[in-house]
Amino acid sequence: MAEFVLVAGAWLGAWAWDDVAPALRAAGHGVHPVTLSGLAERRDVPAGQRTHVRDIVEVASGFREVVVVGHSYSGIPVGQAAERIGNRLKRAVFVDSNVPADGESFTSTWSAAQVSALTDRGYWPPLTAEDYAGQGLSDEQIARVVGGSTPHPAASLTEPAEVSGSLGEIPATYIKCLLDGETPSPDVVKLLESERWELVEMDTGRWPMFSQPAELARVLVEAV
């Protein structure tokens, strides 16, 4: 039995995994969805990147055979948490996500003007319904995502990651959602050269926990 620690991407909370968790539990695994500080029901908690890493590590504390799953933005804190979980880690799974690089942040590739606007505001506003077009989501699913989203704390996007080793040494699965682009980013392509990493493709968009929850659950179970 694995212990799945599930972390959704920007603007989302633990609720994003509601349609995935039952299938994982039915397969005999423990399931522990995470709401990161500053989001959803924890929106009033101050949060930076290190806070998010700590959130994940704390949820995984006490478990063995941990499978930590990071979606989109959350691949950055999940990759760092995977290092800190150490020999209790069974696998890291990155769902069409960013991956951390030591000293780099989520906004490292943004322009100075974009970063300034983000920090001045203090949060990253949620996407609108129009932003989810072409991602394999029904109108009902889009309304659910938009309705549940909350502003994302800026500091978690601008604080640099702290990675001490090579992510290529961690057993990992990268799930590429093809409607969001057929090829992973160059840093992920490099990591996939490691014999400890595997690539799985899903014919859906960047939010498969909503568009194809049963298929995503199947992929997660097969990954372990």
C-alpha atoms as a PDB file:
ATOM      1  CA  MET A   1       0.000   0.000   0.000  1.00  0.00           C
ATOM      2  CA  ALA A   2       1.261   3.459  -0.912  1.00  0.00           C
ATOM      3  CA  GLU A   3       0.423   6.723   0.806  1.00  0.00           C
ATOM      4  CA  PHE A   4      -0.548   9.295  -1.851  1.00  0.00           C
ATOM      5  CA  VAL A   5       0.095  12.931  -0.914  1.00  0.00           C
ATOM      6  CA  LEU A   6      -1.784  14.913  -3.568  1.00  0.00           C
ATOM      7  CA  VAL A   7      -0.979  18.576  -4.240  1.00  0.00           C
ATOM      8  CA  ALA A   8      -2.938  20.573  -6.816  1.00  0.00           C
ATOM      9  CA  GLY A   9      -1.557  23.540  -8.720  1.00  0.00           C
ATOM     10  CA  ALA A  10      -2.033  27.289  -8.454  1.00  0.00           C
ATOM     11  CA  TRP A  11      -5.356  28.619  -7.107  1.00  0.00           C
ATOM     12  CA  LEU A  12      -6.593  25.184  -6.019  1.00  0.00           C
ATOM     13  CA  GLY A  13      -6.933  23.281  -2.742  1.00  0.00           C
ATOM     14  CA  ALA A  14      -7.334  19.688  -1.565  1.00  0.00           C
ATOM     15  CA  TRP A  15     -10.869  19.691  -2.979  1.00  0.00           C
ATOM     16  CA  ALA A  16      -9.425  19.437  -6.501  1.00  0.00           C
ATOM     17  CA  TRP A  17      -8.726  15.728  -5.891  1.00  0.00           C
ATOM     18  CA  ASP A  18     -12.269  14.798  -4.831  1.00  0.00           C
ATOM     19  CA  ASP A  19     -12.930  12.784  -8.009  1.00  0.00           C
ATOM     20  CA  VAL A  20      -9.537  11.022  -7.930  1.00  0.00           C
ATOM     21  CA  ALA A  21      -9.236  10.039  -4.274  1.00  0.00           C
ATOM     22  CA  PRO A  22     -12.025   7.396  -4.148  1.00  0.00           C
ATOM     23  CA  ALA A  23     -10.405   5.241  -6.845  1.00  0.00           C
ATOM     24  CA  LEU A  24      -7.041   5.380  -5.076  1.00  0.00           C
ATOM     25  CA  ARG A  25      -8.650   4.331  -1.799  1.00  0.00           C
ATOM     26  CA  ALA A  26     -10.562   1.560  -3.581  1.00  0.00           C
ATOM     27  CA  ALA A  27      -7.210   0.249  -4.812  1.00  0.00           C
ATOM     28  CA  GLY A  28      -6.070  -0.010  -1.191  1.00  0.00           C
ATOM     29  CA  HIS A  29      -3.908   3.080  -0.896  1.00  0.00           C
ATOM     30  CA  GLY A  30      -3.865   5.879   1.650  1.00  0.00           C
ATOM     31  CA  VAL A  31      -4.881   9.259   0.232  1.00  0.00           C
ATOM     32  CA  HIS A  32      -3.876  12.609   1.704  1.00  0.00           C
ATOM     33  CA  PRO A  33      -4.903  15.658  -0.381  1.00  0.00           C
ATOM     34  CA  VAL A  34      -3.107  18.849   0.622  1.00  0.00           C
ATOM     35  CA  THR A  35      -4.355  22.407   0.747  1.00  0.00           C
ATOM     36  CA  LEU A  36      -1.279  24.604   0.611  1.00  0.00           C
ATOM     37  CA  SER A  37      -1.026  27.640   2.871  1.00  0.00           C
ATOM     38  CA  GLY A  38      -2.640  30.749   1.408  1.00  0.00           C
ATOM     39  CA  LEU A  39      -5.157  28.827  -0.691  1.00  0.00           C
ATOM     40  CA  ALA A  40      -8.769  27.608  -0.474  1.00  0.00           C
ATOM     41  CA  GLU A  41      -9.814  27.134   3.181  1.00  0.00           C
ATOM     42  CA  ARG A  42      -6.297  28.233   4.232  1.00  0.00           C
ATOM     43  CA  ARG A  43      -6.337  31.423   2.178  1.00  0.00           C
ATOM     44  CA  ASP A  44      -5.649  33.625   5.196  1.00  0.00           C
ATOM     45  CA  VAL A  45      -2.398  31.833   6.105  1.00  0.00           C
ATOM     46  CA  PRO A  46       0.746  33.713   4.951  1.00  0.00           C
ATOM     47  CA  ALA A  47       2.727  31.597   2.514  1.00  0.00           C
ATOM     48  CA  GLY A  48       5.938  31.512   0.525  1.00  0.00           C
ATOM     49  CA  GLN A  49       7.697  28.763  -1.398  1.00  0.00           C
ATOM     50  CA  ARG A  50       9.384  27.337   1.697  1.00  0.00           C
ATOM     51  CA  THR A  51       6.019  27.318   3.457  1.00  0.00           C
ATOM     52  CA  HIS A  52       4.555  25.185   0.694  1.00  0.00           C
ATOM     53  CA  VAL A  53       7.430  22.720   0.862  1.00  0.00           C
ATOM     54  CA  ARG A  54       6.910  22.481   4.617  1.00  0.00           C
ATOM     55  CA  ASP A  55       3.147  21.945   4.153  1.00  0.00           C
ATOM     56  CA  ILE A  56       3.821  18.900   1.987  1.00  0.00           C
ATOM     57  CA  VAL A  57       6.553  17.440   4.178  1.00  0.00           C
ATOM     58  CA  GLU A  58       4.330  17.774   7.257  1.00  0.00           C
ATOM     59  CA  VAL A  59       1.463  15.896   5.606  1.00  0.00           C
ATOM     60  CA  ALA A  60       3.870  13.116   4.557  1.00  0.00           C
ATOM     61  CA  SER A  61       5.381  12.941   8.045  1.00  0.00           C
ATOM     62  CA  GLY A  62       4.939   9.581   9.720  1.00  0.00           C
ATOM     63  CA  PHE A  63       4.169   7.697   6.502  1.00  0.00           C
ATOM     64  CA  ARG A  64       6.341   5.272   4.612  1.00  0.00           C
ATOM     65  CA  GLU A  65       5.912   4.315   0.934  1.00  0.00           C
ATOM     66  CA  VAL A  66       5.019   7.931   0.184  1.00  0.00           C
ATOM     67  CA  VAL A  67       3.967   8.857  -3.340  1.00  0.00           C
ATOM     68  CA  VAL A  68       3.994  12.632  -3.583  1.00  0.00           C
ATOM     69  CA  VAL A  69       2.022  14.035  -6.515  1.00  0.00           C
ATOM     70  CA  GLY A  70       2.466  17.583  -7.778  1.00  0.00           C
ATOM     71  CA  HIS A  71       0.238  19.205 -10.389  1.00  0.00           C
ATOM     72  CA  SER A  72       1.245  22.275 -12.440  1.00  0.00           C
ATOM     73  CA  TYR A  73       2.810  24.907 -10.109  1.00  0.00           C
ATOM     74  CA  SER A  74       2.993  22.411  -7.258  1.00  0.00           C
ATOM     75  CA  GLY A  75       5.642  20.349  -8.983  1.00  0.00           C
ATOM     76  CA  ILE A  76       8.109  22.934  -7.660  1.00  0.00           C
ATOM     77  CA  PRO A  77       7.415  22.425  -3.932  1.00  0.00           C
ATOM     78  CA  VAL A  78       6.714  18.719  -4.474  1.00  0.00           C
ATOM     79  CA  GLY A  79      10.144  18.153  -6.030  1.00  0.00           C
ATOM     80  CA  GLN A  80      11.781  19.830  -3.039  1.00  0.00           C
ATOM     81  CA  ALA A  81       9.602  17.898  -0.593  1.00  0.00           C
ATOM     82  CA  ALA A  82      10.531  14.633  -2.303  1.00  0.00           C
ATOM     83  CA  GLU A  83      14.178  15.244  -1.380  1.00  0.00           C
ATOM     84  CA  ARG A  84      13.267  15.952   2.217  1.00  0.00           C
ATOM     85  CA  ILE A  85      11.038  12.878   2.553  1.00  0.00           C
ATOM     86  CA  GLY A  86      14.170  10.836   1.847  1.00  0.00           C
ATOM     87  CA  ASN A  87      14.048   7.056   2.145  1.00  0.00           C
ATOM     88  CA  ARG A  88      10.328   7.122   2.953  1.00  0.00           C
ATOM     89  CA  LEU A  89       9.659   8.229  -0.631  1.00  0.00           C
ATOM     90  CA  LYS A  90       8.325   5.552  -2.960  1.00  0.00           C
ATOM     91  CA  ARG A  91       7.850   7.809  -5.984  1.00  0.00           C
ATOM     92  CA  ALA A  92       7.266  11.382  -7.083  1.00  0.00           C
ATOM     93  CA  VAL A  93       4.653  12.012  -9.759  1.00  0.00           C
ATOM     94  CA  PHE A  94       4.570  15.287 -11.674  1.00  0.00           C
ATOM     95  CA  VAL A  95       1.250  16.002 -13.403  1.00  0.00           C
ATOM     96  CA  ASP A  96       2.020  18.307 -16.343  1.00  0.00           C
ATOM     97  CA  SER A  97       3.955  20.363 -13.845  1.00  0.00           C
ATOM     98  CA  ASN A  98       6.899  22.637 -13.365  1.00  0.00           C
ATOM     99  CA  VAL A  99       9.925  21.089 -11.676  1.00  0.00           C
ATOM    100  CA  PRO A 100      12.270  22.866  -9.252  1.00  0.00           C
ATOM    101  CA  ALA A 101      15.788  24.047 -10.031  1.00  0.00           C
ATOM    102  CA  ASP A 102      18.038  25.218  -7.243  1.00  0.00           C
ATOM    103  CA  GLY A 103      17.985  29.005  -6.916  1.00  0.00           C
ATOM    104  CA  GLU A 104      15.207  29.415  -9.487  1.00  0.00           C
ATOM    105  CA  SER A 105      11.597  30.396  -8.850  1.00  0.00           C
ATOM    106  CA  PHE A 106       8.319  29.893 -10.683  1.00  0.00           C
ATOM    107  CA  THR A 107       8.667  33.436 -12.019  1.00  0.00           C
ATOM    108  CA  SER A 108      12.334  33.204 -13.076  1.00  0.00           C
ATOM    109  CA  THR A 109      11.331  33.384 -16.740  1.00  0.00           C
ATOM    110  CA  TRP A 110       8.835  36.229 -16.240  1.00  0.00           C
ATOM    111  CA  SER A 111       9.708  39.772 -17.231  1.00  0.00           C
ATOM    112  CA  ALA A 112      10.659  42.294 -14.555  1.00  0.00           C
ATOM    113  CA  ALA A 113       7.408  44.127 -15.201  1.00  0.00           C
ATOM    114  CA  GLN A 114       5.356  40.964 -14.707  1.00  0.00           C
ATOM    115  CA  VAL A 115       7.114  40.127 -11.441  1.00  0.00           C
ATOM    116  CA  SER A 116       6.716  43.703 -10.211  1.00  0.00           C
ATOM    117  CA  ALA A 117       2.997  43.660 -10.926  1.00  0.00           C
ATOM    118  CA  LEU A 118       2.659  40.335  -9.113  1.00  0.00           C
ATOM    119  CA  THR A 119       4.516  41.443  -6.004  1.00  0.00           C
ATOM    120  CA  ASP A 120       2.728  44.782  -5.878  1.00  0.00           C
ATOM    121  CA  ARG A 121      -0.619  42.989  -5.931  1.00  0.00           C
ATOM    122  CA  GLY A 122       0.538  40.304  -3.495  1.00  0.00           C
ATOM    123  CA  TYR A 123      -1.236  37.475  -5.277  1.00  0.00           C
ATOM    124  CA  TRP A 124      -1.743  35.837  -8.669  1.00  0.00           C
ATOM    125  CA  PRO A 125      -5.406  36.177  -9.665  1.00  0.00           C
ATOM    126  CA  PRO A 126      -7.243  33.000 -10.702  1.00  0.00           C
ATOM    127  CA  LEU A 127      -7.882  32.208 -14.344  1.00  0.00           C
ATOM    128  CA  THR A 128     -11.196  33.045 -15.963  1.00  0.00           C
ATOM    129  CA  ALA A 129     -13.477  30.538 -17.668  1.00  0.00           C
ATOM    130  CA  GLU A 130     -12.120  31.572 -21.070  1.00  0.00           C
ATOM    131  CA  ASP A 131      -8.600  30.553 -20.024  1.00  0.00           C
ATOM    132  CA  TYR A 132      -9.668  26.912 -19.722  1.00  0.00           C
ATOM    133  CA  ALA A 133     -10.844  26.600 -23.342  1.00  0.00           C
ATOM    134  CA  GLY A 134      -9.282  23.774 -25.317  1.00  0.00           C
ATOM    135  CA  GLN A 135      -8.256  21.809 -22.218  1.00  0.00           C
ATOM    136  CA  GLY A 136     -10.777  18.981 -22.471  1.00  0.00           C
ATOM    137  CA  LEU A 137     -13.093  20.386 -19.825  1.00  0.00           C
ATOM    138  CA  SER A 138     -16.873  20.610 -20.014  1.00  0.00           C
ATOM    139  CA  ASP A 139     -18.640  23.873 -19.198  1.00  0.00           C
ATOM    140  CA  GLU A 140     -19.717  22.333 -15.896  1.00  0.00           C
ATOM    141  CA  GLN A 141     -16.152  21.312 -15.053  1.00  0.00           C
ATOM    142  CA  ILE A 142     -14.822  24.757 -15.929  1.00  0.00           C
ATOM    143  CA  ALA A 143     -17.444  26.385 -13.724  1.00  0.00           C
ATOM    144  CA  ARG A 144     -16.413  24.095 -10.874  1.00  0.00           C
ATOM    145  CA  VAL A 145     -12.715  24.955 -11.216  1.00  0.00           C
ATOM    146  CA  VAL A 146     -13.330  28.693 -11.539  1.00  0.00           C
ATOM    147  CA  GLY A 147     -15.813  28.722  -8.676  1.00  0.00           C
ATOM    148  CA  GLY A 148     -13.408  26.958  -6.334  1.00  0.00           C
ATOM    149  CA  SER A 149     -10.257  28.892  -7.192  1.00  0.00           C
ATOM    150  CA  THR A 150      -8.709  31.460  -4.846  1.00  0.00           C
ATOM    151  CA  PRO A 151      -5.878  33.966  -5.404  1.00  0.00           C
ATOM    152  CA  HIS A 152      -2.427  32.400  -5.247  1.00  0.00           C
ATOM    153  CA  PRO A 153       0.128  33.948  -2.832  1.00  0.00           C
ATOM    154  CA  ALA A 154       2.825  35.850  -4.721  1.00  0.00           C
ATOM    155  CA  ALA A 155       5.713  34.943  -2.419  1.00  0.00           C
ATOM    156  CA  SER A 156       5.329  31.237  -3.244  1.00  0.00           C
ATOM    157  CA  LEU A 157       5.957  32.125  -6.889  1.00  0.00           C
ATOM    158  CA  THR A 158       8.919  34.457  -6.390  1.00  0.00           C
ATOM    159  CA  GLU A 159      10.907  32.665  -3.667  1.00  0.00           C
ATOM    160  CA  PRO A 160      13.646  30.431  -5.145  1.00  0.00           C
ATOM    161  CA  ALA A 161      13.639  26.676  -4.835  1.00  0.00           C
ATOM    162  CA  GLU A 162      16.224  24.884  -2.713  1.00  0.00           C
ATOM    163  CA  VAL A 163      17.367  21.621  -4.297  1.00  0.00           C
ATOM    164  CA  SER A 164      20.476  19.972  -2.873  1.00  0.00           C
ATOM    165  CA  GLY A 165      20.828  16.998  -5.240  1.00  0.00           C
ATOM    166  CA  SER A 166      19.719  15.901  -8.684  1.00  0.00           C
ATOM    167  CA  LEU A 167      16.017  15.330  -9.249  1.00  0.00           C
ATOM    168  CA  GLY A 168      17.054  12.690 -11.749  1.00  0.00           C
ATOM    169  CA  GLU A 169      18.065  10.488  -8.828  1.00  0.00           C
ATOM    170  CA  ILE A 170      14.504  10.428  -7.460  1.00  0.00           C
ATOM    171  CA  PRO A 171      12.162   7.700  -8.785  1.00  0.00           C
ATOM    172  CA  ALA A 172       9.598   9.694 -10.725  1.00  0.00           C
ATOM    173  CA  THR A 173       6.809   9.642 -13.264  1.00  0.00           C
ATOM    174  CA  TYR A 174       6.039  12.653 -15.432  1.00  0.00           C
ATOM    175  CA  ILE A 175       2.493  12.828 -16.811  1.00  0.00           C
ATOM    176  CA  LYS A 176       2.279  14.941 -19.970  1.00  0.00           C
ATOM    177  CA  CYS A 177      -1.199  16.170 -20.842  1.00  0.00           C
ATOM    178  CA  LEU A 178      -1.168  16.442 -24.603  1.00  0.00           C
ATOM    179  CA  LEU A 179      -3.818  19.121 -25.062  1.00  0.00           C
ATOM    180  CA  ASP A 180      -1.470  21.482 -23.231  1.00  0.00           C
ATOM    181  CA  GLY A 181       1.407  20.715 -25.625  1.00  0.00           C
ATOM    182  CA  GLU A 182       2.866  17.460 -26.878  1.00  0.00           C
ATOM    183  CA  THR A 183       6.394  17.903 -25.497  1.00  0.00           C
ATOM    184  CA  PRO A 184       7.492  18.527 -21.899  1.00  0.00           C
ATOM    185  CA  SER A 185       9.614  21.579 -21.142  1.00  0.00           C
ATOM    186  CA  PRO A 186      13.370  21.261 -21.822  1.00  0.00           C
ATOM    187  CA  ASP A 187      14.253  20.779 -18.141  1.00  0.00           C
ATOM    188  CA  VAL A 188      11.802  17.887 -17.910  1.00  0.00           C
ATOM    189  CA  VAL A 189      13.083  16.363 -21.163  1.00  0.00           C
ATOM    190  CA  LYS A 190      16.550  16.367 -19.596  1.00  0.00           C
ATOM    191  CA  LEU A 191      15.296  14.681 -16.438  1.00  0.00           C
ATOM    192  CA  LEU A 192      13.529  12.030 -18.504  1.00  0.00           C
ATOM    193  CA  GLU A 193      16.962  10.869 -19.671  1.00  0.00           C
ATOM    194  CA  SER A 194      17.381   9.383 -16.213  1.00  0.00           C
ATOM    195  CA  GLU A 195      16.602   5.677 -15.958  1.00  0.00           C
ATOM    196  CA  ARG A 196      14.660   6.480 -12.782  1.00  0.00           C
ATOM    197  CA  TRP A 197      12.163   8.711 -14.612  1.00  0.00           C
ATOM    198  CA  GLU A 198       9.330   7.588 -16.861  1.00  0.00           C
ATOM    199  CA  LEU A 199       6.977   9.492 -19.143  1.00  0.00           C
ATOM    200  CA  VAL A 200       3.229   8.824 -19.340  1.00  0.00           C
ATOM    201  CA  GLU A 201       0.997  10.692 -21.777  1.00  0.00           C
ATOM    202  CA  MET A 202      -2.667  11.525 -21.257  1.00  0.00           C
ATOM    203  CA  ASP A 203      -4.939  12.733 -24.040  1.00  0.00           C
ATOM    204  CA  THR A 204      -6.432  15.597 -22.086  1.00  0.00           C
ATOM    205  CA  GLY A 205      -5.600  19.095 -20.856  1.00  0.00           C
ATOM    206  CA  ARG A 206      -3.626  20.473 -17.930  1.00  0.00           C
ATOM    207  CA  TRP A 207      -6.308  19.717 -15.313  1.00  0.00           C
ATOM    208  CA  PRO A 208      -6.849  15.937 -15.625  1.00  0.00           C
ATOM    209  CA  MET A 209      -8.200  15.620 -12.076  1.00  0.00           C
ATOM    210  CA  PHE A 210     -11.317  17.314 -13.454  1.00  0.00           C
ATOM    211  CA  SER A 211     -11.352  16.255 -17.111  1.00  0.00           C
ATOM    212  CA  GLN A 212     -10.279  12.588 -16.707  1.00  0.00           C
ATOM    213  CA  PRO A 213     -10.211  11.704 -12.990  1.00  0.00           C
ATOM    214  CA  ALA A 214     -10.691   7.952 -13.459  1.00  0.00           C
ATOM    215  CA  GLU A 215      -7.875   7.775 -16.018  1.00  0.00           C
ATOM    216  CA  LEU A 216      -5.594   9.878 -13.821  1.00  0.00           C
ATOM    217  CA  ALA A 217      -6.289   7.599 -10.856  1.00  0.00           C
ATOM    218  CA  ARG A 218      -5.436   4.584 -13.012  1.00  0.00           C
ATOM    219  CA  VAL A 219      -2.144   6.165 -14.088  1.00  0.00           C
ATOM    220  CA  LEU A 220      -1.254   6.970 -10.478  1.00  0.00           C
ATOM    221  CA  VAL A 221      -1.979   3.438  -9.310  1.00  0.00           C
ATOM    222  CA  GLU A 222       0.066   1.948 -12.157  1.00  0.00           C
ATOM    223  CA  ALA A 223       2.959   4.305 -11.367  1.00  0.00           C
ATOM    224  CA  VAL A 224       3.541   2.519  -8.063  1.00  0.00           C
END
